[in-house]
Amino acid sequence: MKKIFIMTDMEGCAGILNHDDWVTPEGRWYEKGMKILTEEVNAVIDGLIAGGAAEFLVADGHGAGGIDPLLLHPRALLLRGNVPYPFHMDSSFDGIAFVGGHAKAGTPFSHITHTEWFDRIDISVNGLSVGEYGEMALFGLELGVPCIFAGGEEAFAREAEALTPGVVGVGVKRGLKEDGLDHLTTGEYRAAKLDAIHCSHFEACRRLREGAALAVRKLLDSPASFRHPAVNPPYRLEVRYRAEKKGEPQRTACHTHESSLIKLFNSQW
């Protein structure tokens, strides 16, 4: 009976057309955006159940909140609050699944591209560039929990497959713009990557459901096929920030830890 940790975000869902209208509380389509994400999550849970999983903790990973509790799958537990990394995930989980994921900052042909916020140019650990997917994958490395499913935009799915071979990636929309935009300010980058082609919400849910079922069956049949990122201690975290205004310098912040990736990332706050 497999227990799955489900990390969620809004920007990678099909039908989330831009940032300000769809994923912020003041946005005119925010409630619809929450419905889209929650229904994608429910489709993934249906797939995970079909594949053989039994327990699910859904972490609402969107800053302003992205899950509508009234619509969430009856089999799911919901986590929301000011919880430090790794969001209540521990070694009791058998796998990590992602829904609504977006690619890391700087990724070409991605949509609403960013890492944590639009002010980051890059985040790296021991020279390995990671986005929000990579952060969770590193926590999974420390806890012995593999990433098994990555649902979101196509660039996110490809990022996951490259970082953690074996993960089942499912793309539901495709960004249309390249990147190479490190020179932009935070506000400019926030508005720069808003063009994409989306599949329908119903097709997205179908793809996610089928992919999630495949991921659990693969976990049951060949758990060793899921790989973790290759990073060894001691650890050095480097965060490169954009200029907030034209003419201001970019900056870099560094943090270190001898043995723990989780403590390394929590040391930022």
C-alpha atoms as a PDB file:
ATOM      1  CA  MET A   1       0.000   0.000   0.000  1.00  0.00           C
ATOM      2  CA  LYS A   2       1.945   2.986  -1.280  1.00  0.00           C
ATOM      3  CA  LYS A   3       1.943   6.420   0.352  1.00  0.00           C
ATOM      4  CA  ILE A   4       2.494   9.378  -1.995  1.00  0.00           C
ATOM      5  CA  PHE A   5       3.457  12.984  -1.253  1.00  0.00           C
ATOM      6  CA  ILE A   6       1.863  15.314  -3.832  1.00  0.00           C
ATOM      7  CA  MET A   7       3.454  18.737  -4.325  1.00  0.00           C
ATOM      8  CA  THR A   8       1.237  21.211  -6.175  1.00  0.00           C
ATOM      9  CA  ASP A   9       1.568  24.562  -7.892  1.00  0.00           C
ATOM     10  CA  MET A  10      -0.647  26.577 -10.218  1.00  0.00           C
ATOM     11  CA  GLU A  11       1.521  28.014 -12.982  1.00  0.00           C
ATOM     12  CA  GLY A  12       2.108  24.715 -14.799  1.00  0.00           C
ATOM     13  CA  CYS A  13      -1.562  23.766 -15.228  1.00  0.00           C
ATOM     14  CA  ALA A  14      -3.249  23.771 -18.628  1.00  0.00           C
ATOM     15  CA  GLY A  15      -5.587  26.754 -18.822  1.00  0.00           C
ATOM     16  CA  ILE A  16      -3.600  28.949 -16.431  1.00  0.00           C
ATOM     17  CA  LEU A  17      -2.998  31.613 -19.071  1.00  0.00           C
ATOM     18  CA  ASN A  18      -0.943  34.161 -17.151  1.00  0.00           C
ATOM     19  CA  HIS A  19       0.228  34.974 -13.655  1.00  0.00           C
ATOM     20  CA  ASP A  20      -1.646  38.038 -12.482  1.00  0.00           C
ATOM     21  CA  ASP A  21      -5.168  37.121 -13.648  1.00  0.00           C
ATOM     22  CA  TRP A  22      -5.115  33.430 -12.736  1.00  0.00           C
ATOM     23  CA  VAL A  23      -2.924  32.723  -9.702  1.00  0.00           C
ATOM     24  CA  THR A  24      -3.170  35.803  -7.452  1.00  0.00           C
ATOM     25  CA  PRO A  25      -6.047  36.496  -5.024  1.00  0.00           C
ATOM     26  CA  GLU A  26      -6.753  39.820  -6.709  1.00  0.00           C
ATOM     27  CA  GLY A  27      -6.799  38.226 -10.174  1.00  0.00           C
ATOM     28  CA  ARG A  28     -10.137  38.107 -11.981  1.00  0.00           C
ATOM     29  CA  TRP A  29      -9.863  34.348 -12.707  1.00  0.00           C
ATOM     30  CA  TYR A  30      -8.206  33.210  -9.455  1.00  0.00           C
ATOM     31  CA  GLU A  31     -11.098  31.005  -8.313  1.00  0.00           C
ATOM     32  CA  LYS A  32     -11.198  29.342 -11.725  1.00  0.00           C
ATOM     33  CA  GLY A  33      -7.449  28.809 -11.477  1.00  0.00           C
ATOM     34  CA  MET A  34      -7.870  27.059  -8.123  1.00  0.00           C
ATOM     35  CA  LYS A  35     -10.582  24.861  -9.622  1.00  0.00           C
ATOM     36  CA  ILE A  36      -8.302  23.937 -12.530  1.00  0.00           C
ATOM     37  CA  LEU A  37      -5.446  22.927 -10.224  1.00  0.00           C
ATOM     38  CA  THR A  38      -7.673  21.041  -7.802  1.00  0.00           C
ATOM     39  CA  GLU A  39      -9.275  19.042 -10.602  1.00  0.00           C
ATOM     40  CA  GLU A  40      -5.839  18.226 -12.048  1.00  0.00           C
ATOM     41  CA  VAL A  41      -4.788  17.027  -8.590  1.00  0.00           C
ATOM     42  CA  ASN A  42      -7.919  14.896  -8.344  1.00  0.00           C
ATOM     43  CA  ALA A  43      -7.159  13.334 -11.723  1.00  0.00           C
ATOM     44  CA  VAL A  44      -3.651  12.470 -10.539  1.00  0.00           C
ATOM     45  CA  ILE A  45      -5.002  10.914  -7.338  1.00  0.00           C
ATOM     46  CA  ASP A  46      -7.455   8.830  -9.380  1.00  0.00           C
ATOM     47  CA  GLY A  47      -4.506   7.623 -11.445  1.00  0.00           C
ATOM     48  CA  LEU A  48      -2.381   6.892  -8.397  1.00  0.00           C
ATOM     49  CA  ILE A  49      -5.228   4.848  -6.909  1.00  0.00           C
ATOM     50  CA  ALA A  50      -5.662   2.948 -10.176  1.00  0.00           C
ATOM     51  CA  GLY A  51      -1.946   2.167 -10.120  1.00  0.00           C
ATOM     52  CA  GLY A  52      -2.062   0.802  -6.575  1.00  0.00           C
ATOM     53  CA  ALA A  53      -1.360   3.716  -4.190  1.00  0.00           C
ATOM     54  CA  ALA A  54      -3.494   4.159  -1.083  1.00  0.00           C
ATOM     55  CA  GLU A  55      -2.471   7.262   0.927  1.00  0.00           C
ATOM     56  CA  PHE A  56      -2.026  10.837  -0.295  1.00  0.00           C
ATOM     57  CA  LEU A  57      -0.824  14.041   1.327  1.00  0.00           C
ATOM     58  CA  VAL A  58      -1.435  17.039  -0.945  1.00  0.00           C
ATOM     59  CA  ALA A  59       0.857  19.991  -0.207  1.00  0.00           C
ATOM     60  CA  ASP A  60      -0.562  23.295  -1.434  1.00  0.00           C
ATOM     61  CA  GLY A  61       2.700  24.718  -2.714  1.00  0.00           C
ATOM     62  CA  HIS A  62       1.367  27.893  -4.352  1.00  0.00           C
ATOM     63  CA  GLY A  63       2.283  31.030  -2.456  1.00  0.00           C
ATOM     64  CA  ALA A  64      -1.217  32.502  -2.279  1.00  0.00           C
ATOM     65  CA  GLY A  65      -2.868  29.094  -2.094  1.00  0.00           C
ATOM     66  CA  GLY A  66      -3.991  27.007  -5.043  1.00  0.00           C
ATOM     67  CA  ILE A  67      -6.183  24.178  -3.732  1.00  0.00           C
ATOM     68  CA  ASP A  68      -9.938  24.541  -3.192  1.00  0.00           C
ATOM     69  CA  PRO A  69     -10.616  22.316  -0.144  1.00  0.00           C
ATOM     70  CA  LEU A  70     -14.286  21.956  -1.101  1.00  0.00           C
ATOM     71  CA  LEU A  71     -13.335  20.295  -4.385  1.00  0.00           C
ATOM     72  CA  LEU A  72     -10.393  18.172  -3.248  1.00  0.00           C
ATOM     73  CA  HIS A  73     -10.476  14.398  -3.691  1.00  0.00           C
ATOM     74  CA  PRO A  74     -12.081  12.625  -0.691  1.00  0.00           C
ATOM     75  CA  ARG A  75      -9.073  10.322  -0.337  1.00  0.00           C
ATOM     76  CA  ALA A  76      -6.614  13.202   0.049  1.00  0.00           C
ATOM     77  CA  LEU A  77      -5.199  14.918   3.109  1.00  0.00           C
ATOM     78  CA  LEU A  78      -4.371  18.607   2.560  1.00  0.00           C
ATOM     79  CA  LEU A  79      -1.320  20.415   3.935  1.00  0.00           C
ATOM     80  CA  ARG A  80      -1.289  24.209   4.032  1.00  0.00           C
ATOM     81  CA  GLY A  81       0.506  26.592   6.375  1.00  0.00           C
ATOM     82  CA  ASN A  82       3.853  28.121   7.273  1.00  0.00           C
ATOM     83  CA  VAL A  83       5.701  24.803   7.151  1.00  0.00           C
ATOM     84  CA  PRO A  84       9.489  24.699   6.590  1.00  0.00           C
ATOM     85  CA  TYR A  85      11.157  22.479   4.018  1.00  0.00           C
ATOM     86  CA  PRO A  86      10.374  19.678   3.219  1.00  0.00           C
ATOM     87  CA  PHE A  87       6.707  20.463   3.914  1.00  0.00           C
ATOM     88  CA  HIS A  88       6.033  17.599   6.330  1.00  0.00           C
ATOM     89  CA  MET A  89       7.423  14.997   3.928  1.00  0.00           C
ATOM     90  CA  ASP A  90       9.402  12.263   5.679  1.00  0.00           C
ATOM     91  CA  SER A  91      10.859   8.836   4.982  1.00  0.00           C
ATOM     92  CA  SER A  92       7.471   7.147   5.471  1.00  0.00           C
ATOM     93  CA  PHE A  93       6.460   8.208   1.954  1.00  0.00           C
ATOM     94  CA  ASP A  94       7.110   5.896  -0.982  1.00  0.00           C
ATOM     95  CA  GLY A  95       7.175   8.514  -3.723  1.00  0.00           C
ATOM     96  CA  ILE A  96       6.781  12.174  -4.664  1.00  0.00           C
ATOM     97  CA  ALA A  97       4.351  13.354  -7.346  1.00  0.00           C
ATOM     98  CA  PHE A  98       4.033  16.860  -8.785  1.00  0.00           C
ATOM     99  CA  VAL A  99       0.986  18.606 -10.254  1.00  0.00           C
ATOM    100  CA  GLY A 100       0.952  22.037 -11.904  1.00  0.00           C
ATOM    101  CA  GLY A 101       4.732  22.265 -12.069  1.00  0.00           C
ATOM    102  CA  HIS A 102       6.554  24.997 -13.996  1.00  0.00           C
ATOM    103  CA  ALA A 103      10.131  25.003 -15.244  1.00  0.00           C
ATOM    104  CA  LYS A 104      12.968  26.730 -13.420  1.00  0.00           C
ATOM    105  CA  ALA A 105      14.069  30.294 -14.158  1.00  0.00           C
ATOM    106  CA  GLY A 106      15.945  30.674 -17.418  1.00  0.00           C
ATOM    107  CA  THR A 107      14.320  27.711 -19.176  1.00  0.00           C
ATOM    108  CA  PRO A 108      13.557  28.286 -22.866  1.00  0.00           C
ATOM    109  CA  PHE A 109      10.086  27.491 -24.206  1.00  0.00           C
ATOM    110  CA  SER A 110       8.526  27.470 -20.757  1.00  0.00           C
ATOM    111  CA  HIS A 111       5.515  29.412 -19.467  1.00  0.00           C
ATOM    112  CA  ILE A 112       5.321  31.830 -16.505  1.00  0.00           C
ATOM    113  CA  THR A 113       8.932  30.824 -15.913  1.00  0.00           C
ATOM    114  CA  HIS A 114      10.434  31.333 -12.447  1.00  0.00           C
ATOM    115  CA  THR A 115      12.037  29.672  -9.444  1.00  0.00           C
ATOM    116  CA  GLU A 116      10.228  30.525  -6.189  1.00  0.00           C
ATOM    117  CA  TRP A 117       9.696  34.085  -7.473  1.00  0.00           C
ATOM    118  CA  PHE A 118      10.596  36.105 -10.558  1.00  0.00           C
ATOM    119  CA  ASP A 119      13.566  37.743  -8.816  1.00  0.00           C
ATOM    120  CA  ARG A 120      15.768  34.633  -9.041  1.00  0.00           C
ATOM    121  CA  ILE A 121      18.078  34.135 -12.006  1.00  0.00           C
ATOM    122  CA  ASP A 122      19.238  30.742 -10.790  1.00  0.00           C
ATOM    123  CA  ILE A 123      19.501  28.509  -7.733  1.00  0.00           C
ATOM    124  CA  SER A 124      22.252  25.893  -7.597  1.00  0.00           C
ATOM    125  CA  VAL A 125      23.589  23.312  -5.153  1.00  0.00           C
ATOM    126  CA  ASN A 126      27.225  22.329  -5.616  1.00  0.00           C
ATOM    127  CA  GLY A 127      26.955  23.788  -9.118  1.00  0.00           C
ATOM    128  CA  LEU A 128      23.803  21.841 -10.046  1.00  0.00           C
ATOM    129  CA  SER A 129      21.079  24.235 -11.205  1.00  0.00           C
ATOM    130  CA  VAL A 130      17.685  23.405  -9.685  1.00  0.00           C
ATOM    131  CA  GLY A 131      14.165  24.766  -9.778  1.00  0.00           C
ATOM    132  CA  GLU A 132      11.301  24.042  -7.450  1.00  0.00           C
ATOM    133  CA  TYR A 133      11.181  20.464  -8.718  1.00  0.00           C
ATOM    134  CA  GLY A 134      14.885  20.047  -8.067  1.00  0.00           C
ATOM    135  CA  GLU A 135      14.562  21.345  -4.529  1.00  0.00           C
ATOM    136  CA  MET A 136      12.000  18.676  -3.665  1.00  0.00           C
ATOM    137  CA  ALA A 137      14.073  16.051  -5.467  1.00  0.00           C
ATOM    138  CA  LEU A 138      17.038  16.965  -3.258  1.00  0.00           C
ATOM    139  CA  PHE A 139      14.921  16.640  -0.126  1.00  0.00           C
ATOM    140  CA  GLY A 140      13.802  13.270  -1.448  1.00  0.00           C
ATOM    141  CA  LEU A 141      17.447  12.304  -1.880  1.00  0.00           C
ATOM    142  CA  GLU A 142      18.115  13.028   1.794  1.00  0.00           C
ATOM    143  CA  LEU A 143      15.001  11.162   2.950  1.00  0.00           C
ATOM    144  CA  GLY A 144      15.249   8.255   0.514  1.00  0.00           C
ATOM    145  CA  VAL A 145      11.984   9.142  -1.270  1.00  0.00           C
ATOM    146  CA  PRO A 146      12.096   9.117  -5.107  1.00  0.00           C
ATOM    147  CA  CYS A 147      10.275  11.453  -7.467  1.00  0.00           C
ATOM    148  CA  ILE A 148       7.930   9.228  -9.472  1.00  0.00           C
ATOM    149  CA  PHE A 149       5.616  11.617 -11.353  1.00  0.00           C
ATOM    150  CA  ALA A 150       6.031  15.128 -12.771  1.00  0.00           C
ATOM    151  CA  GLY A 151       2.907  16.758 -14.213  1.00  0.00           C
ATOM    152  CA  GLY A 152       2.919  20.318 -15.519  1.00  0.00           C
ATOM    153  CA  GLU A 153       4.135  22.231 -18.524  1.00  0.00           C
ATOM    154  CA  GLU A 154       6.247  20.343 -21.062  1.00  0.00           C
ATOM    155  CA  ALA A 155       9.463  22.128 -20.082  1.00  0.00           C
ATOM    156  CA  PHE A 156       8.886  21.110 -16.462  1.00  0.00           C
ATOM    157  CA  ALA A 157       8.380  17.470 -17.417  1.00  0.00           C
ATOM    158  CA  ARG A 158      11.607  17.486 -19.450  1.00  0.00           C
ATOM    159  CA  GLU A 159      13.485  19.173 -16.589  1.00  0.00           C
ATOM    160  CA  ALA A 160      12.293  16.466 -14.206  1.00  0.00           C
ATOM    161  CA  GLU A 161      13.235  13.640 -16.569  1.00  0.00           C
ATOM    162  CA  ALA A 162      16.746  15.052 -16.982  1.00  0.00           C
ATOM    163  CA  LEU A 163      17.354  15.573 -13.257  1.00  0.00           C
ATOM    164  CA  THR A 164      15.755  12.362 -11.969  1.00  0.00           C
ATOM    165  CA  PRO A 165      15.849   9.633 -14.640  1.00  0.00           C
ATOM    166  CA  GLY A 166      12.942   7.229 -14.379  1.00  0.00           C
ATOM    167  CA  VAL A 167      10.329   9.781 -13.323  1.00  0.00           C
ATOM    168  CA  VAL A 168       7.154   9.728 -15.435  1.00  0.00           C
ATOM    169  CA  GLY A 169       6.746  13.200 -16.962  1.00  0.00           C
ATOM    170  CA  VAL A 170       3.481  14.520 -18.402  1.00  0.00           C
ATOM    171  CA  GLY A 171       3.214  17.860 -20.215  1.00  0.00           C
ATOM    172  CA  VAL A 172      -0.075  19.732 -20.591  1.00  0.00           C
ATOM    173  CA  LYS A 173       1.074  22.994 -22.225  1.00  0.00           C
ATOM    174  CA  ARG A 174       4.069  24.310 -24.152  1.00  0.00           C
ATOM    175  CA  GLY A 175       5.743  27.691 -23.768  1.00  0.00           C
ATOM    176  CA  LEU A 176       6.557  29.580 -26.959  1.00  0.00           C
ATOM    177  CA  LYS A 177       9.371  31.948 -26.013  1.00  0.00           C
ATOM    178  CA  GLU A 178      13.072  31.367 -25.588  1.00  0.00           C
ATOM    179  CA  ASP A 179      14.881  32.816 -22.593  1.00  0.00           C
ATOM    180  CA  GLY A 180      18.355  34.330 -22.192  1.00  0.00           C
ATOM    181  CA  LEU A 181      16.720  37.110 -20.182  1.00  0.00           C
ATOM    182  CA  ASP A 182      19.026  37.394 -17.181  1.00  0.00           C
ATOM    183  CA  HIS A 183      19.374  41.124 -17.841  1.00  0.00           C
ATOM    184  CA  LEU A 184      15.690  41.838 -17.169  1.00  0.00           C
ATOM    185  CA  THR A 185      14.475  43.250 -13.874  1.00  0.00           C
ATOM    186  CA  THR A 186      12.129  41.203 -11.706  1.00  0.00           C
ATOM    187  CA  GLY A 187       9.061  43.013 -13.018  1.00  0.00           C
ATOM    188  CA  GLU A 188      10.159  42.677 -16.627  1.00  0.00           C
ATOM    189  CA  TYR A 189      10.820  38.951 -16.298  1.00  0.00           C
ATOM    190  CA  ARG A 190       7.436  38.458 -14.628  1.00  0.00           C
ATOM    191  CA  ALA A 191       5.782  39.741 -17.830  1.00  0.00           C
ATOM    192  CA  ALA A 192       8.169  38.185 -20.348  1.00  0.00           C
ATOM    193  CA  LYS A 193       7.132  34.508 -20.607  1.00  0.00           C
ATOM    194  CA  LEU A 194       3.348  34.484 -20.979  1.00  0.00           C
ATOM    195  CA  ASP A 195       2.859  32.834 -24.394  1.00  0.00           C
ATOM    196  CA  ALA A 196       1.910  29.150 -24.560  1.00  0.00           C
ATOM    197  CA  ILE A 197      -0.210  26.523 -26.284  1.00  0.00           C
ATOM    198  CA  HIS A 198      -2.462  24.634 -23.853  1.00  0.00           C
ATOM    199  CA  CYS A 199      -4.315  21.369 -24.206  1.00  0.00           C
ATOM    200  CA  SER A 200      -7.908  21.364 -22.951  1.00  0.00           C
ATOM    201  CA  HIS A 201      -8.568  20.915 -19.254  1.00  0.00           C
ATOM    202  CA  PHE A 202     -10.245  17.576 -19.938  1.00  0.00           C
ATOM    203  CA  GLU A 203      -7.327  16.320 -22.025  1.00  0.00           C
ATOM    204  CA  ALA A 204      -4.887  17.504 -19.358  1.00  0.00           C
ATOM    205  CA  CYS A 205      -6.738  15.520 -16.700  1.00  0.00           C
ATOM    206  CA  ARG A 206      -6.758  12.432 -18.924  1.00  0.00           C
ATOM    207  CA  ARG A 207      -2.994  12.648 -19.522  1.00  0.00           C
ATOM    208  CA  LEU A 208      -2.277  13.226 -15.849  1.00  0.00           C
ATOM    209  CA  ARG A 209      -4.505  10.363 -14.737  1.00  0.00           C
ATOM    210  CA  GLU A 210      -2.851   7.900 -17.124  1.00  0.00           C
ATOM    211  CA  GLY A 211       0.663   9.074 -16.287  1.00  0.00           C
ATOM    212  CA  ALA A 212       0.103   8.838 -12.542  1.00  0.00           C
ATOM    213  CA  ALA A 213      -1.201   5.277 -12.845  1.00  0.00           C
ATOM    214  CA  LEU A 214       1.865   4.354 -14.894  1.00  0.00           C
ATOM    215  CA  ALA A 215       4.173   5.917 -12.293  1.00  0.00           C
ATOM    216  CA  VAL A 216       2.777   3.851  -9.409  1.00  0.00           C
ATOM    217  CA  ARG A 217       2.843   0.630 -11.418  1.00  0.00           C
ATOM    218  CA  LYS A 218       6.470   1.365 -12.239  1.00  0.00           C
ATOM    219  CA  LEU A 219       7.193   2.028  -8.560  1.00  0.00           C
ATOM    220  CA  LEU A 220       5.676  -1.332  -7.647  1.00  0.00           C
ATOM    221  CA  ASP A 221       7.382  -3.278 -10.440  1.00  0.00           C
ATOM    222  CA  SER A 222      10.843  -1.663 -10.578  1.00  0.00           C
ATOM    223  CA  PRO A 223      11.491   0.815  -7.746  1.00  0.00           C
ATOM    224  CA  ALA A 224      15.209   0.930  -8.528  1.00  0.00           C
ATOM    225  CA  SER A 225      14.436   2.546 -11.895  1.00  0.00           C
ATOM    226  CA  PHE A 226      13.773   5.889 -10.175  1.00  0.00           C
ATOM    227  CA  ARG A 227      16.993   7.876  -9.748  1.00  0.00           C
ATOM    228  CA  HIS A 228      17.930  10.683  -7.376  1.00  0.00           C
ATOM    229  CA  PRO A 229      20.035  13.745  -8.298  1.00  0.00           C
ATOM    230  CA  ALA A 230      23.772  13.185  -8.012  1.00  0.00           C
ATOM    231  CA  VAL A 231      24.866  15.601  -5.259  1.00  0.00           C
ATOM    232  CA  ASN A 232      27.244  14.803  -2.397  1.00  0.00           C
ATOM    233  CA  PRO A 233      28.101  16.664   0.841  1.00  0.00           C
ATOM    234  CA  PRO A 234      29.303  19.126   1.903  1.00  0.00           C
ATOM    235  CA  TYR A 235      26.674  21.346   0.303  1.00  0.00           C
ATOM    236  CA  ARG A 236      26.868  24.890  -1.041  1.00  0.00           C
ATOM    237  CA  LEU A 237      23.685  26.725  -2.062  1.00  0.00           C
ATOM    238  CA  GLU A 238      24.061  29.712  -4.390  1.00  0.00           C
ATOM    239  CA  VAL A 239      21.132  32.004  -5.244  1.00  0.00           C
ATOM    240  CA  ARG A 240      21.529  34.605  -7.997  1.00  0.00           C
ATOM    241  CA  TYR A 241      19.067  37.510  -7.902  1.00  0.00           C
ATOM    242  CA  ARG A 242      17.924  39.915 -10.595  1.00  0.00           C
ATOM    243  CA  ALA A 243      18.087  43.668 -10.314  1.00  0.00           C
ATOM    244  CA  GLU A 244      14.835  45.092  -8.975  1.00  0.00           C
ATOM    245  CA  LYS A 245      15.261  48.313 -10.945  1.00  0.00           C
ATOM    246  CA  LYS A 246      17.172  49.304 -14.055  1.00  0.00           C
ATOM    247  CA  GLY A 247      20.731  50.250 -13.218  1.00  0.00           C
ATOM    248  CA  GLU A 248      20.821  48.365  -9.940  1.00  0.00           C
ATOM    249  CA  PRO A 249      23.357  45.534  -9.586  1.00  0.00           C
ATOM    250  CA  GLN A 250      22.460  41.881  -9.489  1.00  0.00           C
ATOM    251  CA  ARG A 251      23.455  40.034  -6.324  1.00  0.00           C
ATOM    252  CA  THR A 252      24.340  36.538  -5.150  1.00  0.00           C
ATOM    253  CA  ALA A 253      23.671  34.897  -1.777  1.00  0.00           C
ATOM    254  CA  CYS A 254      25.499  31.773  -0.582  1.00  0.00           C
ATOM    255  CA  HIS A 255      24.737  29.273   2.178  1.00  0.00           C
ATOM    256  CA  THR A 256      26.532  26.099   3.251  1.00  0.00           C
ATOM    257  CA  HIS A 257      25.894  22.978   5.295  1.00  0.00           C
ATOM    258  CA  GLU A 258      28.154  20.038   5.975  1.00  0.00           C
ATOM    259  CA  SER A 259      25.594  17.262   5.710  1.00  0.00           C
ATOM    260  CA  SER A 260      21.911  18.220   5.274  1.00  0.00           C
ATOM    261  CA  LEU A 261      20.185  19.539   2.154  1.00  0.00           C
ATOM    262  CA  ILE A 262      17.041  20.247   4.149  1.00  0.00           C
ATOM    263  CA  LYS A 263      18.893  22.341   6.723  1.00  0.00           C
ATOM    264  CA  LEU A 264      20.803  24.030   3.893  1.00  0.00           C
ATOM    265  CA  PHE A 265      17.626  25.322   2.241  1.00  0.00           C
ATOM    266  CA  ASN A 266      15.991  26.269   5.535  1.00  0.00           C
ATOM    267  CA  SER A 267      19.058  28.332   6.461  1.00  0.00           C
ATOM    268  CA  GLN A 268      17.957  30.976   3.927  1.00  0.00           C
ATOM    269  CA  TRP A 269      15.058  32.158   6.085  1.00  0.00           C
END
